[in-house]
């Protein structure tokens, strides 16, 4: 769910937690998501999302985008601190 938020750190943090819970419920029911959204995923989430194709995608990402500049929001390789 994409929605606008006030400039309030606490409200944003709560919305991200809520979005994550909606994502988890959807995934548990067999749903998938559009890769750009307000849910921050970790590498394990991306591996589950892409299944057996993840390693091939990760290799291409490392080769063609080593600095994580293209679609840098999804940190699928877990490079962000």
PDB file of N, CA and C in Angstrom:
ATOM      1  N   UNK A   1       0.853  -1.156   0.000  1.00  0.00           N
ATOM      2  CA  UNK A   1       0.000   0.000   0.000  1.00  0.00           C
ATOM      3  C   UNK A   1       0.904   1.225   0.000  1.00  0.00           C
ATOM      4  N   UNK A   2       0.743   2.063  -1.001  1.00  0.00           N
ATOM      5  CA  UNK A   2       1.507   3.304  -1.068  1.00  0.00           C
ATOM      6  C   UNK A   2       0.597   4.438  -0.633  1.00  0.00           C
ATOM      7  N   UNK A   3       1.053   5.201   0.314  1.00  0.00           N
ATOM      8  CA  UNK A   3       0.262   6.322   0.792  1.00  0.00           C
ATOM      9  C   UNK A   3       1.196   7.438   1.210  1.00  0.00           C
ATOM     10  N   UNK A   4       0.657   8.654   1.296  1.00  0.00           N
ATOM     11  CA  UNK A   4       1.488   9.770   1.733  1.00  0.00           C
ATOM     12  C   UNK A   4       1.525   9.792   3.253  1.00  0.00           C
ATOM     13  N   UNK A   5       2.602  10.352   3.783  1.00  0.00           N
ATOM     14  CA  UNK A   5       2.793  10.380   5.231  1.00  0.00           C
ATOM     15  C   UNK A   5       3.195  11.783   5.662  1.00  0.00           C
ATOM     16  N   UNK A   6       2.816  12.148   6.875  1.00  0.00           N
ATOM     17  CA  UNK A   6       3.298  13.426   7.405  1.00  0.00           C
ATOM     18  C   UNK A   6       4.792  13.327   7.693  1.00  0.00           C
ATOM     19  N   UNK A   7       5.441  14.451   7.809  1.00  0.00           N
ATOM     20  CA  UNK A   7       6.870  14.475   8.135  1.00  0.00           C
ATOM     21  C   UNK A   7       7.048  14.206   9.626  1.00  0.00           C
ATOM     22  N   UNK A   8       6.715  13.011  10.032  1.00  0.00           N
ATOM     23  CA  UNK A   8       6.763  12.618  11.439  1.00  0.00           C
ATOM     24  C   UNK A   8       7.454  11.265  11.510  1.00  0.00           C
ATOM     25  N   UNK A   9       8.650  11.237  12.067  1.00  0.00           N
ATOM     26  CA  UNK A   9       9.460  10.010  12.096  1.00  0.00           C
ATOM     27  C   UNK A   9       8.727   8.849  12.763  1.00  0.00           C
ATOM     28  N   UNK A  10       8.016   9.117  13.847  1.00  0.00           N
ATOM     29  CA  UNK A  10       7.308   8.051  14.551  1.00  0.00           C
ATOM     30  C   UNK A  10       6.170   7.494  13.694  1.00  0.00           C
ATOM     31  N   UNK A  11       5.422   8.370  13.036  1.00  0.00           N
ATOM     32  CA  UNK A  11       4.332   7.917  12.168  1.00  0.00           C
ATOM     33  C   UNK A  11       4.878   7.096  11.008  1.00  0.00           C
ATOM     34  N   UNK A  12       5.991   7.521  10.440  1.00  0.00           N
ATOM     35  CA  UNK A  12       6.605   6.786   9.334  1.00  0.00           C
ATOM     36  C   UNK A  12       7.078   5.418   9.806  1.00  0.00           C
ATOM     37  N   UNK A  13       7.731   5.362  10.953  1.00  0.00           N
ATOM     38  CA  UNK A  13       8.205   4.080  11.490  1.00  0.00           C
ATOM     39  C   UNK A  13       7.040   3.130  11.736  1.00  0.00           C
ATOM     40  N   UNK A  14       5.947   3.635  12.280  1.00  0.00           N
ATOM     41  CA  UNK A  14       4.776   2.791  12.530  1.00  0.00           C
ATOM     42  C   UNK A  14       4.162   2.307  11.222  1.00  0.00           C
ATOM     43  N   UNK A  15       4.111   3.183  10.216  1.00  0.00           N
ATOM     44  CA  UNK A  15       3.558   2.792   8.921  1.00  0.00           C
ATOM     45  C   UNK A  15       4.411   1.709   8.272  1.00  0.00           C
ATOM     46  N   UNK A  16       5.741   1.811   8.393  1.00  0.00           N
ATOM     47  CA  UNK A  16       6.619   0.786   7.824  1.00  0.00           C
ATOM     48  C   UNK A  16       6.417  -0.557   8.513  1.00  0.00           C
ATOM     49  N   UNK A  17       6.226  -0.548   9.818  1.00  0.00           N
ATOM     50  CA  UNK A  17       5.949  -1.796  10.545  1.00  0.00           C
ATOM     51  C   UNK A  17       4.624  -2.387  10.073  1.00  0.00           C
ATOM     52  N   UNK A  18       3.621  -1.552   9.932  1.00  0.00           N
ATOM     53  CA  UNK A  18       2.314  -2.013   9.468  1.00  0.00           C
ATOM     54  C   UNK A  18       2.405  -2.557   8.043  1.00  0.00           C
ATOM     55  N   UNK A  19       3.112  -1.836   7.163  1.00  0.00           N
ATOM     56  CA  UNK A  19       3.285  -2.309   5.786  1.00  0.00           C
ATOM     57  C   UNK A  19       3.971  -3.666   5.762  1.00  0.00           C
ATOM     58  N   UNK A  20       4.983  -3.843   6.614  1.00  0.00           N
ATOM     59  CA  UNK A  20       5.686  -5.130   6.661  1.00  0.00           C
ATOM     60  C   UNK A  20       4.731  -6.244   7.091  1.00  0.00           C
ATOM     61  N   UNK A  21       3.874  -5.971   8.067  1.00  0.00           N
ATOM     62  CA  UNK A  21       2.942  -7.010   8.510  1.00  0.00           C
ATOM     63  C   UNK A  21       1.957  -7.361   7.395  1.00  0.00           C
ATOM     64  N   UNK A  22       1.507  -6.369   6.629  1.00  0.00           N
ATOM     65  CA  UNK A  22       0.628  -6.652   5.490  1.00  0.00           C
ATOM     66  C   UNK A  22       1.351  -7.482   4.435  1.00  0.00           C
ATOM     67  N   UNK A  23       2.610  -7.137   4.174  1.00  0.00           N
ATOM     68  CA  UNK A  23       3.398  -7.907   3.211  1.00  0.00           C
ATOM     69  C   UNK A  23       3.549  -9.352   3.668  1.00  0.00           C
ATOM     70  N   UNK A  24       3.894  -9.557   4.943  1.00  0.00           N
ATOM     71  CA  UNK A  24       4.073 -10.916   5.461  1.00  0.00           C
ATOM     72  C   UNK A  24       2.784 -11.723   5.347  1.00  0.00           C
ATOM     73  N   UNK A  25       1.655 -11.109   5.659  1.00  0.00           N
ATOM     74  CA  UNK A  25       0.374 -11.808   5.544  1.00  0.00           C
ATOM     75  C   UNK A  25       0.088 -12.178   4.090  1.00  0.00           C
ATOM     76  N   UNK A  26       0.327 -11.246   3.192  1.00  0.00           N
ATOM     77  CA  UNK A  26       0.103 -11.501   1.770  1.00  0.00           C
ATOM     78  C   UNK A  26       1.004 -12.620   1.265  1.00  0.00           C
ATOM     79  N   UNK A  27       2.291 -12.566   1.628  1.00  0.00           N
ATOM     80  CA  UNK A  27       3.235 -13.597   1.205  1.00  0.00           C
ATOM     81  C   UNK A  27       2.812 -14.965   1.726  1.00  0.00           C
ATOM     82  N   UNK A  28       2.380 -15.022   2.985  1.00  0.00           N
ATOM     83  CA  UNK A  28       1.959 -16.290   3.572  1.00  0.00           C
ATOM     84  C   UNK A  28       0.745 -16.884   2.864  1.00  0.00           C
ATOM     85  N   UNK A  29      -0.027 -16.034   2.201  1.00  0.00           N
ATOM     86  CA  UNK A  29      -1.185 -16.500   1.437  1.00  0.00           C
ATOM     87  C   UNK A  29      -0.838 -16.765  -0.024  1.00  0.00           C
ATOM     88  N   UNK A  30       0.452 -16.648  -0.372  1.00  0.00           N
ATOM     89  CA  UNK A  30       0.890 -16.928  -1.735  1.00  0.00           C
ATOM     90  C   UNK A  30       1.083 -15.699  -2.595  1.00  0.00           C
ATOM     91  N   UNK A  31       0.929 -14.523  -2.027  1.00  0.00           N
ATOM     92  CA  UNK A  31       1.073 -13.294  -2.791  1.00  0.00           C
ATOM     93  C   UNK A  31       2.528 -12.937  -3.038  1.00  0.00           C
ATOM     94  N   UNK A  32       2.749 -12.105  -4.034  1.00  0.00           N
ATOM     95  CA  UNK A  32       4.066 -11.535  -4.306  1.00  0.00           C
ATOM     96  C   UNK A  32       3.885 -10.026  -4.357  1.00  0.00           C
ATOM     97  N   UNK A  33       4.954  -9.324  -4.548  1.00  0.00           N
ATOM     98  CA  UNK A  33       4.853  -7.873  -4.531  1.00  0.00           C
ATOM     99  C   UNK A  33       5.614  -7.266  -5.685  1.00  0.00           C
ATOM    100  N   UNK A  34       5.247  -6.050  -6.008  1.00  0.00           N
ATOM    101  CA  UNK A  34       6.013  -5.260  -6.953  1.00  0.00           C
ATOM    102  C   UNK A  34       7.279  -4.837  -6.219  1.00  0.00           C
ATOM    103  N   UNK A  35       8.472  -5.010  -6.812  1.00  0.00           N
ATOM    104  CA  UNK A  35       9.719  -4.785  -6.078  1.00  0.00           C
ATOM    105  C   UNK A  35       9.943  -3.391  -5.497  1.00  0.00           C
ATOM    106  N   UNK A  36       9.245  -2.379  -5.972  1.00  0.00           N
ATOM    107  CA  UNK A  36       9.416  -1.046  -5.406  1.00  0.00           C
ATOM    108  C   UNK A  36       8.183  -0.750  -4.560  1.00  0.00           C
ATOM    109  N   UNK A  37       8.376  -0.654  -3.266  1.00  0.00           N
ATOM    110  CA  UNK A  37       7.254  -0.345  -2.383  1.00  0.00           C
ATOM    111  C   UNK A  37       7.775   0.216  -1.075  1.00  0.00           C
ATOM    112  N   UNK A  38       6.896   0.340  -0.117  1.00  0.00           N
ATOM    113  CA  UNK A  38       7.263   0.904   1.182  1.00  0.00           C
ATOM    114  C   UNK A  38       7.568  -0.184   2.201  1.00  0.00           C
ATOM    115  N   UNK A  39       7.952  -1.356   1.732  1.00  0.00           N
ATOM    116  CA  UNK A  39       8.340  -2.448   2.628  1.00  0.00           C
ATOM    117  C   UNK A  39       9.820  -2.703   2.400  1.00  0.00           C
ATOM    118  N   UNK A  40      10.620  -2.586   3.447  1.00  0.00           N
ATOM    119  CA  UNK A  40      12.050  -2.825   3.309  1.00  0.00           C
ATOM    120  C   UNK A  40      12.315  -4.316   3.484  1.00  0.00           C
ATOM    121  N   UNK A  41      12.872  -4.923   2.454  1.00  0.00           N
ATOM    122  CA  UNK A  41      13.149  -6.348   2.493  1.00  0.00           C
ATOM    123  C   UNK A  41      14.623  -6.609   2.738  1.00  0.00           C
ATOM    124  N   UNK A  42      14.905  -7.733   3.340  1.00  0.00           N
ATOM    125  CA  UNK A  42      16.273  -8.189   3.545  1.00  0.00           C
ATOM    126  C   UNK A  42      16.598  -9.225   2.477  1.00  0.00           C
ATOM    127  N   UNK A  43      17.856  -9.613   2.415  1.00  0.00           N
ATOM    128  CA  UNK A  43      18.285 -10.568   1.397  1.00  0.00           C
ATOM    129  C   UNK A  43      17.435 -11.840   1.412  1.00  0.00           C
ATOM    130  N   UNK A  44      17.136 -12.365   2.588  1.00  0.00           N
ATOM    131  CA  UNK A  44      16.329 -13.594   2.679  1.00  0.00           C
ATOM    132  C   UNK A  44      14.954 -13.407   2.044  1.00  0.00           C
ATOM    133  N   UNK A  45      14.378 -12.213   2.180  1.00  0.00           N
ATOM    134  CA  UNK A  45      13.087 -11.936   1.547  1.00  0.00           C
ATOM    135  C   UNK A  45      13.209 -11.980   0.025  1.00  0.00           C
ATOM    136  N   UNK A  46      14.297 -11.388  -0.488  1.00  0.00           N
ATOM    137  CA  UNK A  46      14.515 -11.390  -1.937  1.00  0.00           C
ATOM    138  C   UNK A  46      14.758 -12.808  -2.442  1.00  0.00           C
ATOM    139  N   UNK A  47      15.504 -13.597  -1.690  1.00  0.00           N
ATOM    140  CA  UNK A  47      15.747 -14.987  -2.093  1.00  0.00           C
ATOM    141  C   UNK A  47      14.427 -15.748  -2.185  1.00  0.00           C
ATOM    142  N   UNK A  48      13.550 -15.531  -1.233  1.00  0.00           N
ATOM    143  CA  UNK A  48      12.242 -16.186  -1.253  1.00  0.00           C
ATOM    144  C   UNK A  48      11.410 -15.671  -2.421  1.00  0.00           C
ATOM    145  N   UNK A  49      11.480 -14.365  -2.674  1.00  0.00           N
ATOM    146  CA  UNK A  49      10.688 -13.741  -3.740  1.00  0.00           C
ATOM    147  C   UNK A  49      11.079 -14.289  -5.121  1.00  0.00           C
ATOM    148  N   UNK A  50      12.382 -14.371  -5.382  1.00  0.00           N
ATOM    149  CA  UNK A  50      12.854 -14.805  -6.700  1.00  0.00           C
ATOM    150  C   UNK A  50      13.086 -16.304  -6.805  1.00  0.00           C
ATOM    151  N   UNK A  51      13.087 -17.001  -5.681  1.00  0.00           N
ATOM    152  CA  UNK A  51      13.246 -18.454  -5.697  1.00  0.00           C
ATOM    153  C   UNK A  51      14.559 -18.878  -6.331  1.00  0.00           C
ATOM    154  N   UNK A  52      14.522 -19.927  -7.157  1.00  0.00           N
ATOM    155  CA  UNK A  52      15.759 -20.466  -7.724  1.00  0.00           C
ATOM    156  C   UNK A  52      16.472 -19.511  -8.687  1.00  0.00           C
ATOM    157  N   UNK A  53      15.821 -18.465  -9.122  1.00  0.00           N
ATOM    158  CA  UNK A  53      16.446 -17.492 -10.029  1.00  0.00           C
ATOM    159  C   UNK A  53      17.251 -16.429  -9.285  1.00  0.00           C
ATOM    160  N   UNK A  54      17.179 -16.424  -7.950  1.00  0.00           N
ATOM    161  CA  UNK A  54      17.835 -15.352  -7.199  1.00  0.00           C
ATOM    162  C   UNK A  54      19.332 -15.302  -7.455  1.00  0.00           C
ATOM    163  N   UNK A  55      20.030 -16.419  -7.409  1.00  0.00           N
ATOM    164  CA  UNK A  55      21.491 -16.398  -7.573  1.00  0.00           C
ATOM    165  C   UNK A  55      21.894 -15.880  -8.947  1.00  0.00           C
ATOM    166  N   UNK A  56      21.127 -16.220  -9.965  1.00  0.00           N
ATOM    167  CA  UNK A  56      21.409 -15.708 -11.306  1.00  0.00           C
ATOM    168  C   UNK A  56      21.212 -14.190 -11.350  1.00  0.00           C
ATOM    169  N   UNK A  57      20.149 -13.716 -10.736  1.00  0.00           N
ATOM    170  CA  UNK A  57      19.896 -12.283 -10.661  1.00  0.00           C
ATOM    171  C   UNK A  57      20.981 -11.578  -9.847  1.00  0.00           C
ATOM    172  N   UNK A  58      21.378 -12.167  -8.719  1.00  0.00           N
ATOM    173  CA  UNK A  58      22.414 -11.575  -7.867  1.00  0.00           C
ATOM    174  C   UNK A  58      23.744 -11.483  -8.614  1.00  0.00           C
ATOM    175  N   UNK A  59      24.076 -12.500  -9.392  1.00  0.00           N
ATOM    176  CA  UNK A  59      25.323 -12.475 -10.166  1.00  0.00           C
ATOM    177  C   UNK A  59      25.285 -11.345 -11.197  1.00  0.00           C
ATOM    178  N   UNK A  60      24.144 -11.177 -11.861  1.00  0.00           N
ATOM    179  CA  UNK A  60      24.006 -10.097 -12.838  1.00  0.00           C
ATOM    180  C   UNK A  60      24.087  -8.735 -12.145  1.00  0.00           C
ATOM    181  N   UNK A  61      23.467  -8.615 -10.984  1.00  0.00           N
ATOM    182  CA  UNK A  61      23.506  -7.353 -10.229  1.00  0.00           C
ATOM    183  C   UNK A  61      24.943  -7.018  -9.828  1.00  0.00           C
ATOM    184  N   UNK A  62      25.693  -8.013  -9.365  1.00  0.00           N
ATOM    185  CA  UNK A  62      27.095  -7.775  -8.985  1.00  0.00           C
ATOM    186  C   UNK A  62      27.933  -7.386 -10.202  1.00  0.00           C
ATOM    187  N   UNK A  63      27.666  -8.016 -11.332  1.00  0.00           N
ATOM    188  CA  UNK A  63      28.464  -7.751 -12.531  1.00  0.00           C
ATOM    189  C   UNK A  63      28.149  -6.386 -13.146  1.00  0.00           C
ATOM    190  N   UNK A  64      26.865  -6.095 -13.328  1.00  0.00           N
ATOM    191  CA  UNK A  64      26.475  -4.898 -14.064  1.00  0.00           C
ATOM    192  C   UNK A  64      26.186  -3.681 -13.179  1.00  0.00           C
ATOM    193  N   UNK A  65      26.049  -3.884 -11.883  1.00  0.00           N
ATOM    194  CA  UNK A  65      25.742  -2.775 -10.979  1.00  0.00           C
ATOM    195  C   UNK A  65      26.462  -2.958  -9.644  1.00  0.00           C
ATOM    196  N   UNK A  66      27.804  -3.036  -9.673  1.00  0.00           N
ATOM    197  CA  UNK A  66      28.548  -3.313  -8.440  1.00  0.00           C
ATOM    198  C   UNK A  66      28.392  -2.237  -7.366  1.00  0.00           C
ATOM    199  N   UNK A  67      28.051  -1.017  -7.761  1.00  0.00           N
ATOM    200  CA  UNK A  67      27.885   0.065  -6.787  1.00  0.00           C
ATOM    201  C   UNK A  67      26.436   0.260  -6.354  1.00  0.00           C
ATOM    202  N   UNK A  68      25.550  -0.644  -6.779  1.00  0.00           N
ATOM    203  CA  UNK A  68      24.140  -0.620  -6.383  1.00  0.00           C
ATOM    204  C   UNK A  68      23.475   0.721  -6.710  1.00  0.00           C
ATOM    205  N   UNK A  69      23.711   1.200  -7.938  1.00  0.00           N
ATOM    206  CA  UNK A  69      23.141   2.478  -8.360  1.00  0.00           C
ATOM    207  C   UNK A  69      21.782   2.316  -9.024  1.00  0.00           C
ATOM    208  N   UNK A  70      21.577   1.213  -9.729  1.00  0.00           N
ATOM    209  CA  UNK A  70      20.319   0.976 -10.428  1.00  0.00           C
ATOM    210  C   UNK A  70      19.315   0.371  -9.456  1.00  0.00           C
ATOM    211  N   UNK A  71      18.181   0.997  -9.332  1.00  0.00           N
ATOM    212  CA  UNK A  71      17.158   0.532  -8.379  1.00  0.00           C
ATOM    213  C   UNK A  71      17.795   0.264  -7.021  1.00  0.00           C
ATOM    214  N   UNK A  72      18.471   1.287  -6.500  1.00  0.00           N
ATOM    215  CA  UNK A  72      19.214   1.105  -5.251  1.00  0.00           C
ATOM    216  C   UNK A  72      18.319   0.939  -4.034  1.00  0.00           C
ATOM    217  N   UNK A  73      17.043   1.280  -4.144  1.00  0.00           N
ATOM    218  CA  UNK A  73      16.135   1.100  -3.010  1.00  0.00           C
ATOM    219  C   UNK A  73      16.073  -0.336  -2.540  1.00  0.00           C
ATOM    220  N   UNK A  74      15.818  -1.280  -3.454  1.00  0.00           N
ATOM    221  CA  UNK A  74      15.809  -2.679  -3.027  1.00  0.00           C
ATOM    222  C   UNK A  74      17.242  -3.166  -2.800  1.00  0.00           C
ATOM    223  N   UNK A  75      17.621  -3.334  -1.578  1.00  0.00           N
ATOM    224  CA  UNK A  75      18.986  -3.766  -1.239  1.00  0.00           C
ATOM    225  C   UNK A  75      19.047  -5.294  -1.246  1.00  0.00           C
ATOM    226  N   UNK A  76      18.823  -5.875  -2.407  1.00  0.00           N
ATOM    227  CA  UNK A  76      18.665  -7.328  -2.486  1.00  0.00           C
ATOM    228  C   UNK A  76      19.919  -8.120  -2.150  1.00  0.00           C
ATOM    229  N   UNK A  77      21.080  -7.503  -2.232  1.00  0.00           N
ATOM    230  CA  UNK A  77      22.304  -8.240  -1.913  1.00  0.00           C
ATOM    231  C   UNK A  77      22.779  -7.981  -0.490  1.00  0.00           C
ATOM    232  N   UNK A  78      22.060  -7.160   0.259  1.00  0.00           N
ATOM    233  CA  UNK A  78      22.423  -6.908   1.649  1.00  0.00           C
ATOM    234  C   UNK A  78      23.715  -6.133   1.804  1.00  0.00           C
ATOM    235  N   UNK A  79      23.968  -5.175   0.898  1.00  0.00           N
ATOM    236  CA  UNK A  79      25.219  -4.414   0.937  1.00  0.00           C
ATOM    237  C   UNK A  79      25.128  -3.190   1.834  1.00  0.00           C
ATOM    238  N   UNK A  80      23.925  -2.755   2.134  1.00  0.00           N
ATOM    239  CA  UNK A  80      23.754  -1.548   2.932  1.00  0.00           C
ATOM    240  C   UNK A  80      24.062  -1.834   4.397  1.00  0.00           C
ATOM    241  N   UNK A  81      24.743  -0.918   5.079  1.00  0.00           N
ATOM    242  CA  UNK A  81      25.043  -1.156   6.511  1.00  0.00           C
ATOM    243  C   UNK A  81      23.793  -1.162   7.363  1.00  0.00           C
TER     244      UNK A  81
END
